[in-house]
Amino acid sequence: MAPHREGSDASVEAMVAQVEKHPISSILIIIAMQTEALPVVNKFQLIENPHSSFPKGVPWIHYHGAYKDIIINLVWPGKDLTFGVDSVGTISASLVTYASIQALQPDLIINAGTAGGFKEKGAAIGDVFLVSHVAFHDRRIPIPVFDLYGVGLRQTYSTPNLLKALNLKTGKLSTGDSLDMSPHDEASIATNDATVKDME
C-alpha cells in the first residue's frame, strides 16, 4: 500500500518549524504494559498521581516527575476491570493517548514498549528501534480507498539527532490487535515492509 503523501512534506516542515520556535519542556510517554512502564518509572523516580484528570472509572495510571528541566508524564492504560490483565491493543492505546494529550498538553509524545522483530529484516533480540513508519496489518477493508484507510500507513516524526546520538536502528512498524500471525496478517506485514510488529 502506498503511504498518504498529499501535504505530508508541508506538514512535517510546519511541525519542525513549530518545534524550533518552542523548545520541548513536557514529554508524554505512553506504555501499554505495567512491566514495560515500571523500569521507566523507577529510572526517573516518577510518582503516581492519585488525582489525575482522567474520566472517573477508567483504569489508566498516570505517573509524573521531572528530568533536568523537562516535565515527564508517563501513562499506561492499567488493568482491564473485568479480566485483570494489562489493557493492551490499539483501541486502549488510542483512547489513553487522546485523553492524555487533552489533559496534559505535552510538547512531545513517545509511544514506547516491546515488540517482535523480523530477523530477515535485520532485527535481533534486544535491539532498540526508532520507528520510521507505522501501518496496521489487521484492518482489512477490501473496498477501494477504504483499503488504504484501513492500512493507514503514516510516517513518524523525524528525529535525526536522537537517532545519531543513541545510534539506534530504524525500521517500519506494523501494528494490530492480534498477537498471533495469521496468513492474512503475515501478508500485510510483508506488504507494509515492516521490521517490527506490535499491538499498539
Protein backbone atom coordinates (compact mmCIF):
# COMPACT_ATOMS: atom_id res chain seq x y z
CA MET A 1 0.00 0.00 0.00
CA ALA A 2 1.24 3.47 -0.77
CA PRO A 3 1.57 5.99 2.08
CA HIS A 4 -0.59 9.07 2.25
CA ARG A 5 1.70 11.74 0.80
CA GLU A 6 -0.52 14.69 -0.05
CA GLY A 7 0.60 17.58 2.11
CA SER A 8 2.87 15.38 4.21
CA ASP A 9 6.10 17.26 3.39
CA ALA A 10 4.48 20.60 4.20
CA SER A 11 3.06 19.18 7.44
CA VAL A 12 6.45 17.86 8.53
CA GLU A 13 8.11 21.20 7.71
CA ALA A 14 5.46 23.04 9.71
CA MET A 15 5.96 20.73 12.71
CA VAL A 16 9.74 21.18 12.57
CA ALA A 17 9.35 24.97 12.40
CA GLN A 18 6.98 24.89 15.38
CA VAL A 19 9.36 22.75 17.45
CA GLU A 20 12.28 25.04 16.65
CA LYS A 21 10.26 28.02 17.96
CA HIS A 22 9.03 26.14 21.05
CA PRO A 23 11.62 24.06 22.92
CA ILE A 24 10.37 20.81 24.42
CA SER A 25 9.56 21.22 28.11
CA SER A 26 6.93 18.49 28.59
CA ILE A 27 7.05 14.86 27.43
CA LEU A 28 4.23 12.33 27.47
CA ILE A 29 5.28 8.67 27.42
CA ILE A 30 2.61 6.10 26.64
CA ILE A 31 3.45 2.50 27.56
CA ALA A 32 0.97 -0.36 27.20
CA MET A 33 2.07 -2.79 29.92
CA GLN A 34 2.99 -2.37 33.56
CA THR A 35 6.16 -4.47 33.17
CA GLU A 36 7.28 -2.12 30.40
CA ALA A 37 6.36 1.03 32.33
CA LEU A 38 7.86 0.32 35.75
CA PRO A 39 11.55 0.41 34.71
CA VAL A 40 10.98 3.90 33.27
CA VAL A 41 9.01 4.96 36.36
CA ASN A 42 11.86 3.75 38.59
CA LYS A 43 14.66 5.19 36.44
CA PHE A 44 13.21 8.71 36.52
CA GLN A 45 11.73 8.33 40.03
CA LEU A 46 8.25 9.19 38.78
CA ILE A 47 5.39 9.40 41.25
CA GLU A 48 1.88 8.05 40.71
CA ASN A 49 -0.75 10.79 40.50
CA PRO A 50 -3.78 9.66 42.54
CA HIS A 51 -5.79 12.70 41.39
CA SER A 52 -5.42 12.54 37.61
CA SER A 53 -7.81 14.47 35.43
CA PHE A 54 -8.88 11.34 33.55
CA PRO A 55 -12.58 10.36 33.49
CA LYS A 56 -13.85 8.54 36.58
CA GLY A 57 -13.87 4.79 36.33
CA VAL A 58 -11.04 4.33 33.81
CA PRO A 59 -8.13 2.17 34.98
CA TRP A 60 -5.47 4.45 33.47
CA ILE A 61 -2.43 5.16 35.64
CA HIS A 62 -0.57 8.48 35.46
CA TYR A 63 2.97 8.94 36.77
CA HIS A 64 4.76 12.28 36.73
CA GLY A 65 8.08 13.85 37.59
CA ALA A 66 10.94 15.80 36.08
CA TYR A 67 14.29 15.19 34.48
CA LYS A 68 16.53 18.26 34.40
CA ASP A 69 14.19 20.97 33.08
CA ILE A 70 11.74 18.59 31.37
CA ILE A 71 8.39 17.55 32.85
CA ILE A 72 7.77 13.84 32.32
CA ASN A 73 4.30 12.31 32.30
CA LEU A 74 4.01 8.57 31.82
CA VAL A 75 0.62 6.94 31.31
CA TRP A 76 -0.21 3.28 30.98
CA PRO A 77 -3.75 2.01 30.39
CA GLY A 78 -3.83 -0.02 33.59
CA LYS A 79 -5.52 -3.36 34.10
CA ASP A 80 -8.76 -4.37 32.41
CA LEU A 81 -11.51 -4.06 35.00
CA THR A 82 -13.14 -7.37 34.03
CA PHE A 83 -10.19 -9.68 33.34
CA GLY A 84 -7.41 -8.05 35.38
CA VAL A 85 -4.86 -8.15 32.56
CA ASP A 86 -2.95 -5.22 31.05
CA SER A 87 -5.20 -3.24 28.69
CA VAL A 88 -3.18 -3.89 25.55
CA GLY A 89 -4.18 -3.20 21.96
CA THR A 90 -4.74 -0.32 19.59
CA ILE A 91 -8.13 0.82 20.95
CA SER A 92 -6.92 1.17 24.52
CA ALA A 93 -3.71 2.87 23.37
CA SER A 94 -5.66 5.31 21.18
CA LEU A 95 -8.10 6.26 23.93
CA VAL A 96 -5.47 6.76 26.61
CA THR A 97 -3.23 8.73 24.25
CA TYR A 98 -6.04 11.04 23.17
CA ALA A 99 -7.17 11.63 26.76
CA SER A 100 -3.59 12.19 27.91
CA ILE A 101 -2.97 14.78 25.21
CA GLN A 102 -6.14 16.63 26.20
CA ALA A 103 -5.33 16.51 29.92
CA LEU A 104 -1.56 17.06 29.88
CA GLN A 105 -0.89 19.13 26.73
CA PRO A 106 2.59 17.68 26.06
CA ASP A 107 5.16 19.10 23.66
CA LEU A 108 6.30 15.63 22.63
CA ILE A 109 4.65 12.19 22.74
CA ILE A 110 6.66 8.97 22.92
CA ASN A 111 4.93 5.62 22.44
CA ALA A 112 7.39 3.08 23.82
CA GLY A 113 7.36 -0.62 24.52
CA THR A 114 8.44 -4.06 23.50
CA ALA A 115 7.77 -5.51 20.06
CA GLY A 116 8.52 -8.52 17.93
CA GLY A 117 11.14 -8.19 15.22
CA PHE A 118 11.90 -9.99 11.99
CA LYS A 119 15.38 -11.47 11.62
CA GLU A 120 15.25 -11.31 7.83
CA LYS A 121 14.78 -7.53 8.13
CA GLY A 122 17.80 -7.15 10.40
CA ALA A 123 16.12 -7.33 13.83
CA ALA A 124 17.56 -9.28 16.75
CA ILE A 125 16.51 -9.83 20.36
CA GLY A 126 17.43 -6.79 22.43
CA ASP A 127 17.60 -4.35 19.50
CA VAL A 128 16.12 -0.90 20.01
CA PHE A 129 14.34 0.58 17.01
CA LEU A 130 13.26 4.10 16.27
CA VAL A 131 10.17 3.63 14.13
CA SER A 132 10.08 5.48 10.80
CA HIS A 133 6.59 4.45 9.61
CA VAL A 134 3.51 2.83 11.17
CA ALA A 135 0.79 0.76 9.49
CA PHE A 136 -1.97 -1.66 10.52
CA HIS A 137 -1.76 -5.30 9.45
CA ASP A 138 -5.22 -6.45 10.60
CA ARG A 139 -7.61 -3.69 9.48
CA ARG A 140 -8.78 -5.30 6.27
CA ILE A 141 -11.41 -3.28 4.38
CA PRO A 142 -11.46 -4.65 0.80
CA ILE A 143 -13.13 -1.61 -0.79
CA PRO A 144 -11.16 0.88 -2.91
CA VAL A 145 -9.73 3.75 -0.84
CA PHE A 146 -11.13 2.20 2.36
CA ASP A 147 -8.35 -0.38 1.98
CA LEU A 148 -5.75 2.42 2.16
CA TYR A 149 -7.58 3.96 5.10
CA GLY A 150 -7.54 0.59 6.88
CA VAL A 151 -3.79 0.17 6.50
CA GLY A 152 -3.30 3.81 7.46
CA LEU A 153 0.40 3.96 6.61
CA ARG A 154 1.89 7.02 8.32
CA GLN A 155 5.38 8.43 8.63
CA THR A 156 6.51 9.16 12.18
CA TYR A 157 8.10 12.40 13.31
CA SER A 158 11.71 12.55 12.17
CA THR A 159 14.30 12.70 14.97
CA PRO A 160 17.73 12.53 13.28
CA ASN A 161 19.59 13.94 16.30
CA LEU A 162 18.13 11.27 18.59
CA LEU A 163 18.92 8.59 16.03
CA LYS A 164 22.53 9.73 15.76
CA ALA A 165 23.11 10.35 19.47
CA LEU A 166 21.82 6.92 20.52
CA ASN A 167 23.00 5.02 17.42
CA LEU A 168 19.60 3.34 17.03
CA LYS A 169 18.29 1.13 14.27
CA THR A 170 15.31 2.33 12.24
CA GLY A 171 12.51 0.35 10.69
CA LYS A 172 8.86 0.29 9.79
CA LEU A 173 6.34 -0.92 12.36
CA SER A 174 3.21 -2.94 11.67
CA THR A 175 0.61 -2.85 14.42
CA GLY A 176 -2.63 -4.65 15.16
CA ASP A 177 -4.80 -6.19 17.85
CA SER A 178 -3.73 -9.83 17.46
CA LEU A 179 -0.65 -11.43 18.95
CA ASP A 180 -0.57 -14.46 16.67
CA MET A 181 0.41 -14.45 12.99
CA SER A 182 -2.39 -15.38 10.61
CA PRO A 183 -1.58 -15.80 6.90
CA HIS A 184 -3.50 -12.57 6.18
CA ASP A 185 -1.52 -10.65 8.80
CA GLU A 186 1.76 -12.10 7.56
CA ALA A 187 0.99 -10.97 4.01
CA SER A 188 0.04 -7.48 5.23
CA ILE A 189 3.19 -7.19 7.33
CA ALA A 190 5.27 -8.12 4.28
CA THR A 191 3.39 -5.56 2.18
CA ASN A 192 3.99 -2.95 4.91
CA ASP A 193 7.72 -3.78 4.69
CA ALA A 194 7.75 -3.99 8.49
CA THR A 195 10.83 -4.74 10.55
CA VAL A 196 8.94 -4.81 13.87
CA LYS A 197 5.40 -5.79 14.94
CA ASP A 198 3.44 -4.71 18.00
CA MET A 199 -0.10 -4.27 19.33
CA GLU A 200 -0.19 -0.51 19.95
